[in-house]
């Protein structure tokens, strides 16, 4: 466990916190530092878990899971959030399942040039992600019209918006409290 503020271990948790920790457990059976950092305020942990699962792991989402993880990774790279980037890029690589393609995407992200790899709807979503992350006050209806013009439907626009918004929130949580992956199992997926 590593952050600039105190995080409470499972062993030292009271009943209310234990319930929140159990709600936050990963498929590995652990509680990642991104959630444990809320241990002094379990209500925010519960809210964070609910928001995370609604934005990124909801069965009603129609944006492919691999691309949800790509969006997450791009926002995290723009925010220089190594915690989220390492976790969600690991997830994206797992889901992409093509090492060469993943390397090309990562190189494009380092250059802040998704157009090197993406086109059409995916590129439009990544450009929207960049603008909403870097210049949120400049977003206008024309940005949404551009997404629609390349075939992104309103539901997918909302999904992308929520993923982008969530990662801007969590990147600031993590960077603002000095949370690291020390002790975490990086990535949602168990190794094959």
N, C-alpha and C. Protein backbone atom coordinates (compact mmCIF):
# COMPACT_ATOMS: atom_id res chain seq x y z
N UNK A 1 0.85 -1.18 0.00
CA UNK A 1 0.00 0.00 0.00
C UNK A 1 0.90 1.24 0.00
N UNK A 2 0.57 2.16 -0.90
CA UNK A 2 1.40 3.35 -0.97
C UNK A 2 0.59 4.56 -1.42
N UNK A 3 0.58 5.59 -0.58
CA UNK A 3 -0.04 6.88 -0.88
C UNK A 3 0.52 7.89 0.10
N UNK A 4 0.22 9.14 -0.12
CA UNK A 4 0.69 10.19 0.78
C UNK A 4 -0.21 10.35 1.99
N UNK A 5 -1.35 9.64 2.02
CA UNK A 5 -2.21 9.66 3.20
C UNK A 5 -2.35 8.23 3.72
N UNK A 6 -2.83 8.11 4.93
CA UNK A 6 -3.00 6.80 5.57
C UNK A 6 -4.03 5.97 4.82
N UNK A 7 -3.72 4.68 4.66
CA UNK A 7 -4.69 3.72 4.12
C UNK A 7 -4.81 2.61 5.15
N UNK A 8 -6.02 2.20 5.43
CA UNK A 8 -6.29 1.21 6.46
C UNK A 8 -6.28 -0.19 5.86
N UNK A 9 -5.58 -1.10 6.51
CA UNK A 9 -5.49 -2.49 6.05
C UNK A 9 -6.79 -3.23 6.36
N UNK A 10 -6.98 -4.36 5.71
CA UNK A 10 -8.14 -5.21 5.99
C UNK A 10 -8.18 -5.57 7.48
N UNK A 11 -7.02 -5.87 8.04
CA UNK A 11 -6.94 -6.32 9.43
C UNK A 11 -7.37 -5.24 10.42
N UNK A 12 -7.17 -3.98 10.07
CA UNK A 12 -7.50 -2.88 10.98
C UNK A 12 -8.85 -2.23 10.67
N UNK A 13 -9.58 -2.76 9.72
CA UNK A 13 -10.84 -2.16 9.28
C UNK A 13 -11.97 -2.48 10.25
N UNK A 14 -12.83 -1.48 10.49
CA UNK A 14 -14.06 -1.74 11.25
C UNK A 14 -15.08 -2.38 10.31
N UNK A 15 -16.25 -2.72 10.84
CA UNK A 15 -17.24 -3.45 10.04
C UNK A 15 -17.70 -2.66 8.82
N UNK A 16 -17.90 -1.34 8.95
CA UNK A 16 -18.35 -0.52 7.84
C UNK A 16 -17.30 -0.51 6.73
N UNK A 17 -16.04 -0.35 7.11
CA UNK A 17 -14.97 -0.34 6.13
C UNK A 17 -14.79 -1.73 5.52
N UNK A 18 -14.91 -2.78 6.32
CA UNK A 18 -14.77 -4.15 5.77
C UNK A 18 -15.80 -4.40 4.67
N UNK A 19 -17.02 -3.92 4.88
CA UNK A 19 -18.06 -4.08 3.87
C UNK A 19 -17.69 -3.34 2.59
N UNK A 20 -17.16 -2.12 2.73
CA UNK A 20 -16.74 -1.34 1.56
C UNK A 20 -15.56 -2.02 0.85
N UNK A 21 -14.61 -2.52 1.62
CA UNK A 21 -13.46 -3.21 1.03
C UNK A 21 -13.91 -4.45 0.26
N UNK A 22 -14.86 -5.19 0.82
CA UNK A 22 -15.36 -6.37 0.12
C UNK A 22 -16.05 -5.99 -1.19
N UNK A 23 -16.76 -4.88 -1.18
CA UNK A 23 -17.42 -4.38 -2.39
C UNK A 23 -16.39 -3.99 -3.46
N UNK A 24 -15.22 -3.54 -3.01
CA UNK A 24 -14.18 -3.04 -3.93
C UNK A 24 -13.21 -4.12 -4.40
N UNK A 25 -13.36 -5.34 -3.92
CA UNK A 25 -12.38 -6.38 -4.27
C UNK A 25 -12.35 -6.66 -5.76
N UNK A 26 -11.14 -6.89 -6.27
CA UNK A 26 -10.92 -7.21 -7.68
C UNK A 26 -11.18 -8.69 -7.91
N UNK A 27 -11.18 -9.13 -9.15
CA UNK A 27 -11.28 -10.57 -9.43
C UNK A 27 -10.13 -11.36 -8.80
N UNK A 28 -9.03 -10.66 -8.46
CA UNK A 28 -7.89 -11.31 -7.81
C UNK A 28 -8.16 -11.52 -6.32
N UNK A 29 -9.22 -10.89 -5.79
CA UNK A 29 -9.52 -10.97 -4.37
C UNK A 29 -8.83 -9.90 -3.54
N UNK A 30 -8.17 -8.95 -4.21
CA UNK A 30 -7.45 -7.88 -3.52
C UNK A 30 -8.22 -6.57 -3.63
N UNK A 31 -7.79 -5.58 -2.87
CA UNK A 31 -8.32 -4.23 -3.01
C UNK A 31 -7.17 -3.35 -3.50
N UNK A 32 -7.32 -2.84 -4.71
CA UNK A 32 -6.28 -2.00 -5.28
C UNK A 32 -6.18 -0.67 -4.52
N UNK A 33 -5.00 -0.08 -4.56
CA UNK A 33 -4.76 1.18 -3.87
C UNK A 33 -5.68 2.30 -4.33
N UNK A 34 -6.12 2.26 -5.59
CA UNK A 34 -7.04 3.27 -6.09
C UNK A 34 -8.33 3.30 -5.28
N UNK A 35 -8.73 2.16 -4.74
CA UNK A 35 -9.91 2.09 -3.89
C UNK A 35 -9.54 2.21 -2.41
N UNK A 36 -8.45 1.57 -2.02
CA UNK A 36 -8.05 1.58 -0.61
C UNK A 36 -7.73 3.00 -0.12
N UNK A 37 -7.32 3.88 -1.02
CA UNK A 37 -7.00 5.23 -0.60
C UNK A 37 -8.23 5.93 -0.01
N UNK A 38 -9.42 5.40 -0.28
CA UNK A 38 -10.66 5.92 0.30
C UNK A 38 -10.94 5.37 1.70
N UNK A 39 -10.06 4.55 2.24
CA UNK A 39 -10.39 3.80 3.46
C UNK A 39 -10.72 4.68 4.66
N UNK A 40 -10.28 5.91 4.67
CA UNK A 40 -10.66 6.82 5.76
C UNK A 40 -12.08 7.35 5.59
N UNK A 41 -12.64 7.19 4.39
CA UNK A 41 -14.02 7.62 4.09
C UNK A 41 -14.67 6.54 3.22
N UNK A 42 -15.12 5.44 3.81
CA UNK A 42 -15.66 4.31 3.04
C UNK A 42 -16.82 4.67 2.12
N UNK A 43 -17.56 5.71 2.42
CA UNK A 43 -18.68 6.09 1.54
C UNK A 43 -18.17 6.53 0.18
N UNK A 44 -17.03 7.22 0.14
CA UNK A 44 -16.50 7.61 -1.16
C UNK A 44 -15.95 6.40 -1.90
N UNK A 45 -15.45 5.41 -1.16
CA UNK A 45 -15.01 4.17 -1.81
C UNK A 45 -16.19 3.49 -2.49
N UNK A 46 -17.32 3.39 -1.78
CA UNK A 46 -18.51 2.76 -2.37
C UNK A 46 -18.97 3.51 -3.61
N UNK A 47 -18.97 4.84 -3.54
CA UNK A 47 -19.36 5.63 -4.70
C UNK A 47 -18.40 5.45 -5.86
N UNK A 48 -17.11 5.38 -5.55
CA UNK A 48 -16.10 5.21 -6.59
C UNK A 48 -16.25 3.87 -7.28
N UNK A 49 -16.44 2.80 -6.51
CA UNK A 49 -16.61 1.47 -7.10
C UNK A 49 -17.82 1.45 -8.03
N UNK A 50 -18.93 2.02 -7.56
CA UNK A 50 -20.15 2.04 -8.36
C UNK A 50 -19.94 2.81 -9.66
N UNK A 51 -19.32 3.98 -9.57
CA UNK A 51 -19.06 4.78 -10.76
C UNK A 51 -18.13 4.05 -11.73
N UNK A 52 -17.05 3.49 -11.22
CA UNK A 52 -16.10 2.76 -12.06
C UNK A 52 -16.78 1.64 -12.82
N UNK A 53 -17.53 0.83 -12.12
CA UNK A 53 -18.18 -0.31 -12.77
C UNK A 53 -19.25 0.13 -13.77
N UNK A 54 -19.93 1.22 -13.48
CA UNK A 54 -20.95 1.72 -14.41
C UNK A 54 -20.32 2.29 -15.68
N UNK A 55 -19.17 2.94 -15.53
CA UNK A 55 -18.52 3.56 -16.69
C UNK A 55 -17.78 2.56 -17.55
N UNK A 56 -17.13 1.59 -16.93
CA UNK A 56 -16.18 0.77 -17.68
C UNK A 56 -16.53 -0.71 -17.77
N UNK A 57 -17.36 -1.19 -16.92
CA UNK A 57 -17.65 -2.63 -16.92
C UNK A 57 -19.15 -2.91 -16.93
N UNK A 58 -19.87 -2.13 -17.69
CA UNK A 58 -21.31 -2.31 -17.76
C UNK A 58 -21.68 -3.10 -19.01
N UNK A 59 -22.52 -4.09 -18.85
CA UNK A 59 -22.91 -4.94 -19.98
C UNK A 59 -23.68 -4.19 -21.06
N UNK A 60 -24.24 -3.03 -20.73
CA UNK A 60 -24.99 -2.27 -21.73
C UNK A 60 -24.09 -1.40 -22.62
N UNK A 61 -22.83 -1.25 -22.25
CA UNK A 61 -21.93 -0.48 -23.10
C UNK A 61 -21.78 -1.17 -24.44
N UNK A 62 -21.73 -0.38 -25.51
CA UNK A 62 -21.56 -0.95 -26.84
C UNK A 62 -20.20 -0.64 -27.46
N UNK A 63 -19.47 0.31 -26.87
CA UNK A 63 -18.09 0.52 -27.32
C UNK A 63 -17.33 -0.73 -26.92
N UNK A 64 -16.60 -1.34 -27.84
CA UNK A 64 -15.87 -2.57 -27.50
C UNK A 64 -14.96 -2.37 -26.28
N UNK A 65 -14.90 -3.40 -25.45
CA UNK A 65 -14.14 -3.30 -24.20
C UNK A 65 -12.69 -2.91 -24.46
N UNK A 66 -12.07 -3.44 -25.50
CA UNK A 66 -10.67 -3.09 -25.76
C UNK A 66 -10.53 -1.60 -26.02
N UNK A 67 -11.54 -1.01 -26.72
CA UNK A 67 -11.44 0.41 -27.03
C UNK A 67 -11.80 1.26 -25.81
N UNK A 68 -12.66 0.76 -24.93
CA UNK A 68 -12.91 1.46 -23.67
C UNK A 68 -11.59 1.60 -22.90
N UNK A 69 -10.81 0.52 -22.90
CA UNK A 69 -9.51 0.54 -22.21
C UNK A 69 -8.52 1.46 -22.93
N UNK A 70 -8.61 1.55 -24.25
CA UNK A 70 -7.76 2.47 -25.01
C UNK A 70 -8.11 3.92 -24.65
N UNK A 71 -9.39 4.23 -24.61
CA UNK A 71 -9.82 5.58 -24.21
C UNK A 71 -9.28 5.89 -22.81
N UNK A 72 -9.44 4.95 -21.89
CA UNK A 72 -8.97 5.12 -20.52
C UNK A 72 -7.48 5.40 -20.49
N UNK A 73 -6.74 4.65 -21.28
CA UNK A 73 -5.29 4.79 -21.32
C UNK A 73 -4.88 6.14 -21.91
N UNK A 74 -5.58 6.56 -22.96
CA UNK A 74 -5.23 7.83 -23.59
C UNK A 74 -5.45 8.99 -22.63
N UNK A 75 -6.60 9.00 -21.97
CA UNK A 75 -6.87 10.06 -20.99
C UNK A 75 -5.81 10.04 -19.90
N UNK A 76 -5.47 8.86 -19.41
CA UNK A 76 -4.47 8.74 -18.34
C UNK A 76 -3.09 9.18 -18.81
N UNK A 77 -2.77 8.93 -20.09
CA UNK A 77 -1.48 9.41 -20.60
C UNK A 77 -1.48 10.93 -20.72
N UNK A 78 -2.59 11.50 -21.14
CA UNK A 78 -2.69 12.96 -21.24
C UNK A 78 -2.55 13.62 -19.88
N UNK A 79 -3.04 12.95 -18.84
CA UNK A 79 -2.97 13.47 -17.47
C UNK A 79 -1.70 13.05 -16.75
N UNK A 80 -0.83 12.33 -17.44
CA UNK A 80 0.42 11.85 -16.83
C UNK A 80 0.14 11.10 -15.53
N UNK A 81 -0.85 10.21 -15.58
CA UNK A 81 -1.22 9.40 -14.42
C UNK A 81 -0.69 7.98 -14.64
N UNK A 82 0.47 7.71 -14.09
CA UNK A 82 1.11 6.41 -14.32
C UNK A 82 0.31 5.27 -13.71
N UNK A 83 -0.39 5.51 -12.60
CA UNK A 83 -1.18 4.45 -11.97
C UNK A 83 -2.26 3.95 -12.92
N UNK A 84 -3.11 4.84 -13.38
CA UNK A 84 -4.20 4.42 -14.27
C UNK A 84 -3.66 3.93 -15.60
N UNK A 85 -2.64 4.61 -16.10
CA UNK A 85 -2.09 4.18 -17.38
C UNK A 85 -1.56 2.75 -17.30
N UNK A 86 -0.79 2.45 -16.29
CA UNK A 86 -0.21 1.10 -16.21
C UNK A 86 -1.29 0.03 -16.10
N UNK A 87 -2.32 0.28 -15.31
CA UNK A 87 -3.40 -0.69 -15.17
C UNK A 87 -4.22 -0.84 -16.44
N UNK A 88 -4.65 0.27 -17.00
CA UNK A 88 -5.59 0.19 -18.12
C UNK A 88 -4.88 -0.07 -19.44
N UNK A 89 -3.63 0.30 -19.54
CA UNK A 89 -2.89 -0.08 -20.74
C UNK A 89 -2.64 -1.59 -20.71
N UNK A 90 -2.36 -2.15 -19.54
CA UNK A 90 -2.21 -3.62 -19.44
C UNK A 90 -3.50 -4.30 -19.87
N UNK A 91 -4.64 -3.76 -19.44
CA UNK A 91 -5.93 -4.31 -19.85
C UNK A 91 -6.13 -4.19 -21.36
N UNK A 92 -5.82 -3.02 -21.90
CA UNK A 92 -5.97 -2.82 -23.35
C UNK A 92 -5.11 -3.80 -24.13
N UNK A 93 -3.86 -3.95 -23.72
CA UNK A 93 -2.96 -4.89 -24.42
C UNK A 93 -3.51 -6.31 -24.37
N UNK A 94 -4.02 -6.70 -23.22
CA UNK A 94 -4.60 -8.04 -23.08
C UNK A 94 -5.76 -8.22 -24.07
N UNK A 95 -6.62 -7.22 -24.15
CA UNK A 95 -7.81 -7.32 -25.00
C UNK A 95 -7.48 -7.15 -26.48
N UNK A 96 -6.51 -6.32 -26.81
CA UNK A 96 -6.10 -6.14 -28.20
C UNK A 96 -5.50 -7.44 -28.72
N UNK A 97 -4.72 -8.10 -27.88
CA UNK A 97 -4.12 -9.41 -28.20
C UNK A 97 -3.30 -9.38 -29.49
N UNK A 98 -2.66 -8.25 -29.76
CA UNK A 98 -1.80 -8.10 -30.93
C UNK A 98 -0.67 -7.17 -30.51
N UNK A 99 0.48 -7.74 -30.19
CA UNK A 99 1.60 -6.99 -29.63
C UNK A 99 2.02 -5.84 -30.55
N UNK A 100 2.09 -6.08 -31.84
CA UNK A 100 2.52 -5.03 -32.78
C UNK A 100 1.53 -3.87 -32.80
N UNK A 101 0.24 -4.19 -32.85
CA UNK A 101 -0.78 -3.13 -32.85
C UNK A 101 -0.71 -2.34 -31.54
N UNK A 102 -0.54 -3.03 -30.43
CA UNK A 102 -0.45 -2.35 -29.14
C UNK A 102 0.77 -1.41 -29.10
N UNK A 103 1.88 -1.85 -29.64
CA UNK A 103 3.08 -0.99 -29.69
C UNK A 103 2.83 0.26 -30.53
N UNK A 104 2.12 0.09 -31.64
CA UNK A 104 1.82 1.24 -32.51
C UNK A 104 0.91 2.24 -31.79
N UNK A 105 -0.08 1.71 -31.09
CA UNK A 105 -1.00 2.59 -30.36
C UNK A 105 -0.24 3.33 -29.26
N UNK A 106 0.58 2.62 -28.51
CA UNK A 106 1.32 3.25 -27.43
C UNK A 106 2.26 4.34 -27.97
N UNK A 107 2.90 4.08 -29.08
CA UNK A 107 3.77 5.08 -29.70
C UNK A 107 2.97 6.32 -30.11
N UNK A 108 1.81 6.10 -30.69
CA UNK A 108 0.94 7.22 -31.09
C UNK A 108 0.50 8.03 -29.87
N UNK A 109 0.22 7.35 -28.77
CA UNK A 109 -0.18 8.05 -27.55
C UNK A 109 0.96 8.90 -27.01
N UNK A 110 2.17 8.37 -27.06
CA UNK A 110 3.33 9.13 -26.57
C UNK A 110 3.52 10.40 -27.39
N UNK A 111 3.16 10.34 -28.67
CA UNK A 111 3.26 11.50 -29.55
C UNK A 111 2.01 12.39 -29.50
N UNK A 112 1.01 11.97 -28.72
CA UNK A 112 -0.29 12.66 -28.71
C UNK A 112 -0.83 12.77 -30.12
N UNK A 113 -0.70 11.68 -30.86
CA UNK A 113 -1.10 11.65 -32.27
C UNK A 113 -1.86 10.36 -32.58
N UNK A 114 -3.07 10.21 -32.05
CA UNK A 114 -3.82 8.98 -32.31
C UNK A 114 -4.12 8.74 -33.78
N UNK A 115 -4.05 9.80 -34.58
CA UNK A 115 -4.30 9.65 -36.03
C UNK A 115 -3.25 8.78 -36.70
N UNK A 116 -2.14 8.52 -36.03
CA UNK A 116 -1.13 7.62 -36.58
C UNK A 116 -1.64 6.17 -36.67
N UNK A 117 -2.65 5.85 -35.86
CA UNK A 117 -3.14 4.47 -35.77
C UNK A 117 -4.64 4.36 -36.02
N UNK A 118 -5.38 5.38 -35.63
CA UNK A 118 -6.84 5.30 -35.66
C UNK A 118 -7.41 6.19 -36.75
N UNK A 119 -8.64 5.88 -37.14
CA UNK A 119 -9.38 6.70 -38.10
C UNK A 119 -10.86 6.59 -37.78
N UNK A 120 -11.65 7.34 -38.49
CA UNK A 120 -13.10 7.26 -38.37
C UNK A 120 -13.60 7.52 -36.96
N UNK A 121 -14.56 6.72 -36.53
CA UNK A 121 -15.22 6.91 -35.24
C UNK A 121 -14.24 6.81 -34.08
N UNK A 122 -13.32 5.86 -34.14
CA UNK A 122 -12.37 5.71 -33.03
C UNK A 122 -11.47 6.94 -32.90
N UNK A 123 -11.00 7.45 -34.02
CA UNK A 123 -10.17 8.65 -33.97
C UNK A 123 -10.98 9.83 -33.44
N UNK A 124 -12.21 9.96 -33.88
CA UNK A 124 -13.05 11.07 -33.42
C UNK A 124 -13.26 10.99 -31.90
N UNK A 125 -13.47 9.79 -31.38
CA UNK A 125 -13.64 9.64 -29.94
C UNK A 125 -12.36 10.02 -29.20
N UNK A 126 -11.21 9.61 -29.71
CA UNK A 126 -9.95 9.95 -29.05
C UNK A 126 -9.67 11.45 -29.12
N UNK A 127 -10.03 12.08 -30.22
CA UNK A 127 -9.87 13.54 -30.30
C UNK A 127 -10.79 14.25 -29.30
N UNK A 128 -12.01 13.74 -29.19
CA UNK A 128 -12.95 14.27 -28.19
C UNK A 128 -12.38 14.07 -26.79
N UNK A 129 -11.81 12.89 -26.54
CA UNK A 129 -11.21 12.60 -25.23
C UNK A 129 -10.10 13.60 -24.92
N UNK A 130 -9.27 13.88 -25.91
CA UNK A 130 -8.17 14.83 -25.68
C UNK A 130 -8.70 16.23 -25.38
N UNK A 131 -9.65 16.69 -26.16
CA UNK A 131 -10.18 18.04 -25.95
C UNK A 131 -10.88 18.14 -24.60
N UNK A 132 -11.68 17.14 -24.25
CA UNK A 132 -12.40 17.15 -22.97
C UNK A 132 -11.44 17.08 -21.79
N UNK A 133 -10.30 16.44 -21.98
CA UNK A 133 -9.30 16.33 -20.92
C UNK A 133 -8.44 17.58 -20.80
N UNK A 134 -7.97 18.09 -21.93
CA UNK A 134 -7.01 19.18 -21.93
C UNK A 134 -7.68 20.56 -21.92
N UNK A 135 -8.83 20.69 -22.61
CA UNK A 135 -9.50 21.99 -22.76
C UNK A 135 -11.01 21.84 -22.55
N UNK A 136 -11.44 21.37 -21.37
CA UNK A 136 -12.87 21.07 -21.20
C UNK A 136 -13.80 22.26 -21.42
N UNK A 137 -13.33 23.46 -21.13
CA UNK A 137 -14.17 24.64 -21.32
C UNK A 137 -14.40 25.01 -22.77
N UNK A 138 -13.64 24.38 -23.67
CA UNK A 138 -13.77 24.67 -25.10
C UNK A 138 -14.68 23.69 -25.83
N UNK A 139 -15.16 22.68 -25.15
CA UNK A 139 -16.08 21.73 -25.78
C UNK A 139 -17.35 22.47 -26.18
N UNK A 140 -17.83 22.16 -27.38
CA UNK A 140 -19.06 22.78 -27.87
C UNK A 140 -19.86 21.74 -28.65
N UNK A 141 -21.05 22.12 -29.05
CA UNK A 141 -21.93 21.21 -29.76
C UNK A 141 -21.30 20.67 -31.04
N UNK A 142 -20.47 21.46 -31.67
CA UNK A 142 -19.81 21.01 -32.90
C UNK A 142 -18.95 19.77 -32.64
N UNK A 143 -18.39 19.65 -31.45
CA UNK A 143 -17.59 18.46 -31.12
C UNK A 143 -18.46 17.20 -31.12
N UNK A 144 -19.66 17.33 -30.63
CA UNK A 144 -20.59 16.20 -30.63
C UNK A 144 -21.06 15.92 -32.05
N UNK A 145 -21.31 16.98 -32.81
CA UNK A 145 -21.71 16.82 -34.21
C UNK A 145 -20.65 16.07 -35.01
N UNK A 146 -19.37 16.33 -34.71
CA UNK A 146 -18.28 15.62 -35.40
C UNK A 146 -18.32 14.13 -35.10
N UNK A 147 -18.64 13.78 -33.86
CA UNK A 147 -18.76 12.36 -33.50
C UNK A 147 -19.91 11.72 -34.26
N UNK A 148 -21.04 12.39 -34.29
CA UNK A 148 -22.21 11.86 -34.99
C UNK A 148 -21.95 11.72 -36.48
N UNK A 149 -21.19 12.65 -37.05
CA UNK A 149 -20.92 12.64 -38.49
C UNK A 149 -20.13 11.41 -38.92
N UNK A 150 -19.38 10.80 -38.00
CA UNK A 150 -18.61 9.61 -38.35
C UNK A 150 -19.26 8.34 -37.80
N UNK A 151 -20.53 8.45 -37.38
CA UNK A 151 -21.29 7.27 -37.02
C UNK A 151 -21.33 6.90 -35.56
N UNK A 152 -20.85 7.78 -34.67
CA UNK A 152 -20.93 7.49 -33.25
C UNK A 152 -22.33 7.87 -32.79
N UNK A 153 -23.07 6.91 -32.24
CA UNK A 153 -24.44 7.22 -31.83
C UNK A 153 -24.47 7.87 -30.44
N UNK A 154 -25.62 8.40 -30.07
CA UNK A 154 -25.74 9.14 -28.82
C UNK A 154 -25.36 8.30 -27.60
N UNK A 155 -25.76 7.03 -27.59
CA UNK A 155 -25.40 6.16 -26.47
C UNK A 155 -23.90 5.98 -26.34
N UNK A 156 -23.23 5.82 -27.48
CA UNK A 156 -21.77 5.67 -27.46
C UNK A 156 -21.08 6.98 -27.08
N UNK A 157 -21.67 8.11 -27.49
CA UNK A 157 -21.12 9.41 -27.08
C UNK A 157 -21.20 9.52 -25.57
N UNK A 158 -22.33 9.14 -25.00
CA UNK A 158 -22.47 9.18 -23.54
C UNK A 158 -21.48 8.23 -22.88
N UNK A 159 -21.32 7.01 -23.40
CA UNK A 159 -20.35 6.06 -22.84
C UNK A 159 -18.96 6.65 -22.84
N UNK A 160 -18.54 7.18 -24.00
CA UNK A 160 -17.21 7.76 -24.12
C UNK A 160 -17.06 8.92 -23.14
N UNK A 161 -18.06 9.79 -23.08
CA UNK A 161 -18.03 10.94 -22.17
C UNK A 161 -17.85 10.49 -20.73
N UNK A 162 -18.56 9.45 -20.34
CA UNK A 162 -18.46 8.98 -18.95
C UNK A 162 -17.10 8.33 -18.66
N UNK A 163 -16.56 7.59 -19.60
CA UNK A 163 -15.23 7.01 -19.42
C UNK A 163 -14.20 8.12 -19.30
N UNK A 164 -14.28 9.10 -20.18
CA UNK A 164 -13.34 10.23 -20.15
C UNK A 164 -13.48 10.99 -18.84
N UNK A 165 -14.70 11.30 -18.46
CA UNK A 165 -14.94 12.03 -17.21
C UNK A 165 -14.46 11.25 -16.00
N UNK A 166 -14.74 9.95 -15.98
CA UNK A 166 -14.29 9.11 -14.86
C UNK A 166 -12.77 9.14 -14.75
N UNK A 167 -12.08 8.96 -15.87
CA UNK A 167 -10.61 8.91 -15.79
C UNK A 167 -10.00 10.27 -15.46
N UNK A 168 -10.64 11.35 -15.85
CA UNK A 168 -10.15 12.65 -15.39
C UNK A 168 -10.32 12.77 -13.87
N UNK A 169 -11.43 12.27 -13.35
CA UNK A 169 -11.62 12.25 -11.88
C UNK A 169 -10.57 11.37 -11.21
N UNK A 170 -10.46 10.13 -11.65
CA UNK A 170 -9.58 9.20 -10.94
C UNK A 170 -8.11 9.57 -11.10
N UNK A 171 -7.73 10.12 -12.26
CA UNK A 171 -6.34 10.55 -12.43
C UNK A 171 -5.98 11.63 -11.42
N UNK A 172 -6.92 12.52 -11.16
CA UNK A 172 -6.66 13.58 -10.19
C UNK A 172 -6.66 13.04 -8.76
N UNK A 173 -7.51 12.08 -8.48
CA UNK A 173 -7.49 11.42 -7.18
C UNK A 173 -6.12 10.79 -6.94
N UNK A 174 -5.66 10.01 -7.90
CA UNK A 174 -4.40 9.26 -7.76
C UNK A 174 -3.19 10.18 -7.72
N UNK A 175 -3.09 11.09 -8.68
CA UNK A 175 -1.96 12.01 -8.71
C UNK A 175 -1.97 12.94 -7.49
N UNK A 176 -3.16 13.37 -7.08
CA UNK A 176 -3.28 14.31 -5.97
C UNK A 176 -2.97 13.72 -4.61
N UNK A 177 -3.05 12.38 -4.49
CA UNK A 177 -2.76 11.72 -3.21
C UNK A 177 -1.52 10.84 -3.28
N UNK A 178 -0.80 10.89 -4.40
CA UNK A 178 0.44 10.13 -4.52
C UNK A 178 0.26 8.63 -4.46
N UNK A 179 -0.84 8.14 -4.99
CA UNK A 179 -1.13 6.71 -4.95
C UNK A 179 -0.27 5.98 -5.98
N UNK A 180 0.36 4.89 -5.56
CA UNK A 180 1.17 4.08 -6.47
C UNK A 180 0.58 2.68 -6.56
N UNK A 181 1.11 1.90 -7.47
CA UNK A 181 0.67 0.51 -7.64
C UNK A 181 1.40 -0.45 -6.70
N UNK A 182 2.22 0.06 -5.79
CA UNK A 182 2.94 -0.82 -4.86
C UNK A 182 1.97 -1.72 -4.12
N UNK A 183 2.13 -3.02 -4.30
CA UNK A 183 1.27 -4.00 -3.65
C UNK A 183 0.06 -4.40 -4.47
N UNK A 184 -0.23 -3.69 -5.54
CA UNK A 184 -1.36 -4.03 -6.41
C UNK A 184 -0.98 -5.12 -7.41
N UNK A 185 -1.98 -5.79 -7.93
CA UNK A 185 -1.80 -6.64 -9.11
C UNK A 185 -2.22 -5.77 -10.28
N UNK A 186 -1.28 -5.40 -11.13
CA UNK A 186 -1.56 -4.46 -12.21
C UNK A 186 -2.39 -5.12 -13.30
N UNK A 187 -3.48 -4.45 -13.68
CA UNK A 187 -4.38 -4.96 -14.71
C UNK A 187 -5.51 -5.78 -14.11
N UNK A 188 -6.65 -5.67 -14.72
CA UNK A 188 -7.86 -6.34 -14.27
C UNK A 188 -7.83 -7.84 -14.55
N UNK A 189 -7.16 -8.22 -15.60
CA UNK A 189 -7.19 -9.60 -16.08
C UNK A 189 -6.07 -10.41 -15.49
N UNK A 190 -6.39 -11.62 -15.11
CA UNK A 190 -5.36 -12.54 -14.64
C UNK A 190 -4.52 -12.97 -15.83
N UNK A 191 -3.20 -13.13 -15.63
CA UNK A 191 -2.36 -13.58 -16.75
C UNK A 191 -2.83 -14.93 -17.27
N UNK A 192 -2.71 -15.11 -18.60
CA UNK A 192 -3.11 -16.38 -19.21
C UNK A 192 -2.15 -17.48 -18.84
